Protein backbone atom coordinates (compact mmCIF):
# COMPACT_ATOMS: atom_id res chain seq x y z
CA MET A 1 27.54 165.00 50.92
CA GLU A 2 31.26 163.53 50.91
CA GLN A 3 32.54 160.25 51.95
CA ARG A 4 30.00 159.65 54.88
CA ARG A 5 31.46 162.73 56.80
CA HIS A 6 30.45 165.82 55.70
CA ALA A 7 26.67 166.99 54.31
CA SER A 8 25.37 170.47 52.51
CA LEU A 9 21.93 171.08 52.43
CA THR A 10 19.60 173.42 50.92
CA GLY A 11 15.53 173.81 51.99
CA VAL A 12 16.01 173.99 55.55
CA THR A 13 13.26 175.31 57.42
CA ASP A 14 14.14 174.43 60.68
CA VAL A 15 15.84 171.71 63.05
CA LEU A 16 13.16 169.43 64.88
CA SER A 17 15.38 167.94 67.12
CA PHE A 18 19.32 166.81 67.57
CA ASP A 19 22.24 165.21 69.38
CA GLU A 20 25.38 163.16 68.18
CA GLU A 21 23.77 160.50 67.26
CA THR A 22 20.43 162.26 65.67
CA ILE A 23 19.48 165.35 63.45
CA VAL A 24 16.27 165.50 62.67
CA ALA A 25 16.13 168.66 60.02
CA ASP A 26 12.09 169.88 58.02
CA THR A 27 13.31 171.09 54.67
CA VAL A 28 10.95 172.12 52.61
CA GLU A 29 10.16 168.25 50.99
CA GLY A 30 9.91 166.76 54.36
CA ALA A 31 11.46 165.45 57.84
CA LEU A 32 15.34 164.14 56.57
CA VAL A 33 16.73 162.23 59.49
CA PHE A 34 20.28 161.89 59.53
CA ARG A 35 22.28 158.97 61.59
CA GLY A 36 25.04 158.49 63.26
CA ARG A 37 28.31 159.37 65.05
CA ASP A 38 29.77 162.30 66.71
CA LEU A 39 27.11 163.93 64.69
CA HIS A 40 28.00 168.20 64.82
CA ILE A 41 25.92 170.61 62.84
CA THR A 42 28.25 173.23 61.73
CA LYS A 43 26.60 175.56 60.01
CA LEU A 44 22.46 176.51 59.71
CA ASP A 45 21.10 179.59 58.17
CA LEU A 46 17.34 179.36 58.59
CA ASP A 47 16.86 182.75 56.41
CA ARG A 48 19.15 180.61 53.02
CA GLY A 49 17.60 177.87 53.94
CA GLU A 50 20.88 175.88 54.32
CA LEU A 51 22.55 173.64 56.76
CA ASN A 52 26.05 172.22 56.93
CA VAL A 53 26.50 168.94 58.82
CA ASP A 54 30.03 166.52 60.37
CA GLY A 55 30.49 163.69 61.12
CA GLU A 56 30.02 159.65 60.52
CA PHE A 57 26.91 159.10 58.98
CA THR A 58 25.08 155.99 58.94
CA GLY A 59 22.47 156.73 57.99
CA VAL A 60 19.59 159.13 55.83
CA SER A 61 16.25 159.46 55.06
CA TYR A 62 13.53 161.22 54.74
CA GLU A 63 9.94 160.83 57.08
CA ASP A 64 6.66 161.12 56.34
CA SER A 65 6.21 161.53 60.31
CA VAL A 66 9.12 163.18 62.54
CA PRO A 67 9.84 160.49 65.09
CA PHE A 68 10.34 162.70 68.12
CA LYS A 69 6.13 163.95 68.04
CA SER A 70 5.80 160.25 68.54
CA GLY A 71 6.84 160.20 72.37
CA LEU A 72 6.63 162.59 75.32
CA PHE A 73 7.09 165.60 72.65
CA GLY A 74 4.64 164.68 71.25
CA ARG A 75 2.09 164.59 73.39
CA ILE A 76 2.77 167.39 75.00
CA PHE A 77 2.73 169.36 71.09
CA ARG A 78 -0.35 168.45 70.09
């Protein structure tokens, strides 16, 4: 991560959801959640497991369960 404005990740297996305030990426270590403002995926290469994200980060955390699976999508895709 560089100055809370750019992040480069490896080990990414999928991007589960994204918008300008939240990006949820599935990684080999679990779901990684970026929170912030004006978030944008600038590079995604699932064959190499690479993800680059730009924006103003307010939080980054690993989640045991994927946040959106507990809502409407969770009930639909069980």
